[in-house]
């Protein structure tokens, strides 16, 4: 039997790209279980070329009962080897206009799926006596806050803390826990956002995104999937407790009004009488 994996928030975007990347490793992957709250988003599973190697579980990734069902389905198809916590809720709120309870509920909505996934995965790895890898999907916002996104920023910072805590506690038991901190990624949600801005607005945003990411563009879901695939693999066997930026350099860029164009030549200076 091959290795099996669970991916949350797998209906579209990064989550689906991770599922497809894992299924592409046919020599090692037994089954990939995709958890998604929106049943319509998993319609692609039916008739997928992967056949029984991919299974859909509909439900809230923050519900331990849903996570347990996914773990059962994964273990029916192979040895549970990895778990990817990608599910997220994108809803903004600020404390001056929303109640503390509303903000806390939104923090929980983003933290609970990672906690439920980690809890289930760790327990299954320990019960089976097998090593395993967990990858939590975080964001550059965990370290660089965006105004108006308090719940998301707070939750992602907590996810990175959870990653470190579990890596330290369960590393001696053969369980690695890492995170990837994403920059802006061109998902369906990103494209829908641009479509709502109109041609001029979309062009302005695309230009700003190019400035924010030193590679001059936003990322692609398959690029994130490749990084996650590596962290799940044996090639990353000594990586534990890390948060890996997958952001095109966004988190290390310092924008400054004195920034110079690297293509521009410095003005020549000559000493008096120099030839």
Protein backbone atom coordinates (compact mmCIF):
# COMPACT_ATOMS: atom_id res chain seq x y z
CA UNK A 1 0.00 0.00 0.00
CA UNK A 2 1.19 3.50 -0.77
CA UNK A 3 1.18 6.65 1.29
CA UNK A 4 -2.08 8.50 1.81
CA UNK A 5 -2.73 12.15 2.48
CA UNK A 6 -5.51 14.50 3.58
CA UNK A 7 -5.84 18.00 2.15
CA UNK A 8 -8.35 20.50 3.56
CA UNK A 9 -9.90 23.34 1.59
CA UNK A 10 -9.20 21.18 -1.46
CA UNK A 11 -12.04 22.18 -3.75
CA UNK A 12 -10.16 24.83 -5.68
CA UNK A 13 -7.05 26.99 -5.78
CA UNK A 14 -4.06 25.94 -3.71
CA UNK A 15 -5.86 23.00 -2.11
CA UNK A 16 -6.79 21.41 -5.39
CA UNK A 17 -3.29 22.02 -6.77
CA UNK A 18 -1.86 20.13 -3.79
CA UNK A 19 -4.22 17.22 -4.41
CA UNK A 20 -3.22 17.07 -8.07
CA UNK A 21 0.50 17.26 -7.21
CA UNK A 22 0.20 14.37 -4.77
CA UNK A 23 -1.80 12.28 -7.22
CA UNK A 24 0.89 12.92 -9.79
CA UNK A 25 3.31 10.93 -7.63
CA UNK A 26 1.68 7.65 -8.65
CA UNK A 27 4.61 5.52 -7.49
CA UNK A 28 4.18 6.52 -3.86
CA UNK A 29 0.73 7.99 -3.29
CA UNK A 30 -1.97 5.57 -2.23
CA UNK A 31 -4.92 7.91 -1.77
CA UNK A 32 -5.57 11.61 -1.37
CA UNK A 33 -8.64 12.68 0.57
CA UNK A 34 -9.98 16.15 -0.25
CA UNK A 35 -11.99 17.94 2.45
CA UNK A 36 -14.19 20.82 1.33
CA UNK A 37 -17.16 22.60 2.91
CA UNK A 38 -18.69 23.47 -0.48
CA UNK A 39 -19.86 20.25 -2.13
CA UNK A 40 -20.06 21.90 -5.56
CA UNK A 41 -16.35 22.73 -5.37
CA UNK A 42 -15.53 19.01 -5.26
CA UNK A 43 -17.59 18.06 -8.32
CA UNK A 44 -14.32 17.47 -10.18
CA UNK A 45 -13.55 14.44 -7.99
CA UNK A 46 -16.25 12.39 -9.71
CA UNK A 47 -14.77 11.03 -12.90
CA UNK A 48 -11.24 12.15 -11.98
CA UNK A 49 -8.52 10.10 -13.75
CA UNK A 50 -7.19 9.19 -10.31
CA UNK A 51 -10.26 7.05 -9.71
CA UNK A 52 -10.35 5.53 -6.23
CA UNK A 53 -7.03 7.21 -5.41
CA UNK A 54 -8.91 10.44 -4.71
CA UNK A 55 -11.84 10.71 -2.32
CA UNK A 56 -14.05 13.64 -1.38
CA UNK A 57 -15.23 14.39 2.15
CA UNK A 58 -17.79 17.17 2.43
CA UNK A 59 -17.87 19.11 5.66
CA UNK A 60 -16.27 21.68 7.94
CA UNK A 61 -12.53 21.03 8.25
CA UNK A 62 -12.70 22.51 11.75
CA UNK A 63 -15.04 19.70 12.87
CA UNK A 64 -13.07 16.82 14.39
CA UNK A 65 -15.74 14.34 13.23
CA UNK A 66 -15.13 15.44 9.63
CA UNK A 67 -11.38 15.14 10.10
CA UNK A 68 -11.80 11.65 11.51
CA UNK A 69 -13.89 10.58 8.49
CA UNK A 70 -11.18 11.87 6.20
CA UNK A 71 -8.49 10.03 8.14
CA UNK A 72 -10.49 6.80 7.90
CA UNK A 73 -10.85 7.21 4.13
CA UNK A 74 -7.14 7.93 3.78
CA UNK A 75 -6.09 4.89 5.78
CA UNK A 76 -8.35 2.65 3.76
CA UNK A 77 -6.20 3.50 0.75
CA UNK A 78 -2.74 3.39 2.30
CA UNK A 79 -0.60 4.43 5.24
CA UNK A 80 -1.47 7.93 6.40
CA UNK A 81 1.73 9.85 5.77
CA UNK A 82 0.76 13.51 5.49
CA UNK A 83 -1.86 16.12 6.25
CA UNK A 84 -2.18 19.57 4.67
CA UNK A 85 -4.23 22.20 6.50
CA UNK A 86 -5.21 24.66 3.79
CA UNK A 87 -8.84 25.54 4.62
CA UNK A 88 -9.42 29.22 5.37
CA UNK A 89 -12.20 31.78 5.75
CA UNK A 90 -11.65 35.19 4.17
CA UNK A 91 -13.76 37.74 6.00
CA UNK A 92 -12.47 41.05 7.26
CA UNK A 93 -13.37 42.79 10.51
CA UNK A 94 -12.02 45.62 12.65
CA UNK A 95 -12.39 45.99 16.40
CA UNK A 96 -13.79 49.53 16.15
CA UNK A 97 -16.81 48.30 14.18
CA UNK A 98 -17.21 44.62 15.10
CA UNK A 99 -17.75 43.08 18.50
CA UNK A 100 -14.97 41.18 20.22
CA UNK A 101 -17.11 38.04 19.86
CA UNK A 102 -17.39 38.52 16.10
CA UNK A 103 -13.65 38.98 15.75
CA UNK A 104 -12.94 35.97 17.96
CA UNK A 105 -15.36 33.80 15.99
CA UNK A 106 -13.54 34.74 12.77
CA UNK A 107 -10.17 33.96 14.36
CA UNK A 108 -11.57 30.58 15.39
CA UNK A 109 -12.96 29.94 11.92
CA UNK A 110 -9.41 30.13 10.54
CA UNK A 111 -7.58 28.48 13.43
CA UNK A 112 -9.97 25.60 14.11
CA UNK A 113 -9.37 23.75 10.80
CA UNK A 114 -5.61 23.71 11.40
CA UNK A 115 -6.02 22.60 15.01
CA UNK A 116 -8.55 19.86 14.16
CA UNK A 117 -6.37 18.63 11.31
CA UNK A 118 -3.21 18.60 13.38
CA UNK A 119 -4.97 16.88 16.28
CA UNK A 120 -6.37 14.12 14.09
CA UNK A 121 -3.16 13.60 12.15
CA UNK A 122 -0.96 13.43 15.26
CA UNK A 123 -3.27 10.92 16.94
CA UNK A 124 -3.40 8.72 13.84
CA UNK A 125 0.38 8.79 13.37
CA UNK A 126 0.93 7.87 17.00
CA UNK A 127 -1.67 5.10 16.97
CA UNK A 128 -0.15 3.56 13.84
CA UNK A 129 3.39 3.96 15.12
CA UNK A 130 4.42 5.50 11.82
CA UNK A 131 6.16 8.80 11.05
CA UNK A 132 4.19 11.57 9.40
CA UNK A 133 4.33 15.12 8.12
CA UNK A 134 1.92 18.01 8.55
CA UNK A 135 2.00 21.22 6.54
CA UNK A 136 -0.05 24.20 7.68
CA UNK A 137 -0.81 26.92 5.16
CA UNK A 138 -0.13 30.36 6.61
CA UNK A 139 0.29 33.79 5.04
CA UNK A 140 2.75 36.64 4.83
CA UNK A 141 0.12 38.45 6.90
CA UNK A 142 1.15 36.45 9.96
CA UNK A 143 4.20 38.70 10.13
CA UNK A 144 3.14 41.73 8.09
CA UNK A 145 -0.38 42.83 8.95
CA UNK A 146 -2.81 44.31 6.42
CA UNK A 147 -5.26 46.92 7.84
CA UNK A 148 -8.78 45.58 8.26
CA UNK A 149 -7.69 41.92 8.38
CA UNK A 150 -7.32 41.52 12.14
CA UNK A 151 -9.00 38.08 12.42
CA UNK A 152 -7.01 36.57 9.57
CA UNK A 153 -3.70 38.06 10.71
CA UNK A 154 -4.28 36.84 14.26
CA UNK A 155 -5.30 33.34 13.18
CA UNK A 156 -2.34 32.89 10.86
CA UNK A 157 0.08 34.05 13.54
CA UNK A 158 -1.50 31.43 15.82
CA UNK A 159 -1.15 28.78 13.11
CA UNK A 160 2.58 29.46 12.92
CA UNK A 161 2.83 29.24 16.71
CA UNK A 162 0.93 25.95 16.63
CA UNK A 163 3.32 24.69 13.98
CA UNK A 164 6.35 25.36 16.19
CA UNK A 165 4.74 23.93 19.32
CA UNK A 166 3.75 20.65 17.68
CA UNK A 167 7.09 20.32 15.90
CA UNK A 168 8.88 20.49 19.24
CA UNK A 169 6.46 18.19 21.08
CA UNK A 170 6.12 15.47 18.47
CA UNK A 171 9.38 15.66 16.54
CA UNK A 172 10.88 13.02 18.87
CA UNK A 173 8.01 10.73 17.82
CA UNK A 174 8.82 11.04 14.13
CA UNK A 175 6.20 13.67 13.31
CA UNK A 176 7.33 16.75 11.41
CA UNK A 177 5.20 19.90 11.39
CA UNK A 178 5.96 22.82 9.08
CA UNK A 179 4.14 25.76 7.54
CA UNK A 180 4.22 27.69 4.29
CA UNK A 181 3.55 31.43 4.40
CA UNK A 182 2.02 32.51 1.11
CA UNK A 183 2.15 35.76 -0.75
CA UNK A 184 -0.64 36.60 -3.19
CA UNK A 185 -1.56 33.61 -5.35
CA UNK A 186 -3.58 33.66 -8.56
CA UNK A 187 -6.52 31.51 -7.52
CA UNK A 188 -10.14 31.64 -8.63
CA UNK A 189 -10.80 33.96 -5.70
CA UNK A 190 -8.04 36.31 -6.83
CA UNK A 191 -9.33 36.39 -10.41
CA UNK A 192 -12.91 36.98 -9.23
CA UNK A 193 -11.66 39.94 -7.19
CA UNK A 194 -9.94 41.43 -10.24
CA UNK A 195 -13.04 40.92 -12.38
CA UNK A 196 -15.09 42.99 -9.95
CA UNK A 197 -12.68 45.93 -10.23
CA UNK A 198 -13.17 46.63 -13.92
CA UNK A 199 -10.36 46.90 -16.46
CA UNK A 200 -8.70 50.01 -15.01
CA UNK A 201 -8.97 48.84 -11.42
CA UNK A 202 -7.61 45.40 -12.27
CA UNK A 203 -4.66 46.91 -14.12
CA UNK A 204 -3.86 49.13 -11.13
CA UNK A 205 -3.97 46.16 -8.74
CA UNK A 206 -1.85 43.99 -11.02
CA UNK A 207 0.74 46.77 -11.18
CA UNK A 208 0.75 47.11 -7.39
CA UNK A 209 1.08 43.34 -6.95
CA UNK A 210 4.08 43.36 -9.28
CA UNK A 211 5.70 45.99 -7.06
CA UNK A 212 4.91 44.08 -3.86
CA UNK A 213 6.49 40.83 -5.08
CA UNK A 214 10.18 41.10 -6.10
CA UNK A 215 9.62 38.46 -8.78
CA UNK A 216 7.27 40.96 -10.42
CA UNK A 217 4.11 38.83 -10.29
CA UNK A 218 1.78 36.91 -8.01
CA UNK A 219 2.29 33.20 -7.49
CA UNK A 220 0.63 30.19 -9.06
CA UNK A 221 -1.15 27.44 -7.08
CA UNK A 222 1.12 24.78 -8.56
CA UNK A 223 4.17 26.64 -7.22
CA UNK A 224 2.74 26.45 -3.72
CA UNK A 225 1.85 22.79 -4.24
CA UNK A 226 5.45 22.03 -5.21
CA UNK A 227 6.74 23.54 -1.95
CA UNK A 228 4.18 21.64 0.13
CA UNK A 229 4.96 18.42 -1.71
CA UNK A 230 8.63 18.84 -0.83
CA UNK A 231 7.88 19.44 2.86
CA UNK A 232 5.77 16.27 2.93
CA UNK A 233 8.49 14.22 1.26
CA UNK A 234 11.42 12.30 2.70
CA UNK A 235 13.72 14.82 1.03
CA UNK A 236 12.62 17.29 3.73
CA UNK A 237 13.24 14.80 6.53
CA UNK A 238 15.33 17.28 8.58
CA UNK A 239 12.98 20.25 8.17
CA UNK A 240 10.78 20.63 11.24
CA UNK A 241 9.11 23.61 12.87
CA UNK A 242 9.86 25.89 9.94
CA UNK A 243 7.66 28.47 8.30
CA UNK A 244 8.77 28.63 4.68
CA UNK A 245 7.89 31.79 2.73
CA UNK A 246 6.34 30.97 -0.65
CA UNK A 247 5.76 34.57 -1.59
CA UNK A 248 8.10 35.61 -4.37
CA UNK A 249 10.09 37.63 -1.83
CA UNK A 250 7.19 39.75 -0.62
CA UNK A 251 8.00 39.27 3.06
CA UNK A 252 11.58 40.54 2.68
CA UNK A 253 10.86 43.54 0.47
CA UNK A 254 11.26 46.98 2.04
CA UNK A 255 9.58 49.56 -0.19
CA UNK A 256 11.14 52.98 0.15
CA UNK A 257 10.73 56.30 -1.70
CA UNK A 258 14.51 56.35 -2.19
CA UNK A 259 14.49 53.02 -4.00
CA UNK A 260 16.61 53.17 -7.13
CA UNK A 261 15.95 51.51 -10.45
CA UNK A 262 18.58 48.74 -10.64
CA UNK A 263 18.66 49.17 -14.43
CA UNK A 264 19.58 52.83 -14.15
CA UNK A 265 23.31 53.68 -14.34
CA UNK A 266 24.88 55.65 -11.55
CA UNK A 267 26.03 59.11 -12.70
CA UNK A 268 29.72 59.18 -13.43
CA UNK A 269 31.92 61.26 -11.13
CA UNK A 270 35.34 62.53 -12.24
CA UNK A 271 38.03 64.28 -10.40
CA UNK A 272 39.02 67.66 -11.85
CA UNK A 273 41.36 67.14 -14.80
CA UNK A 274 40.58 63.43 -15.14
CA UNK A 275 40.39 62.12 -18.71
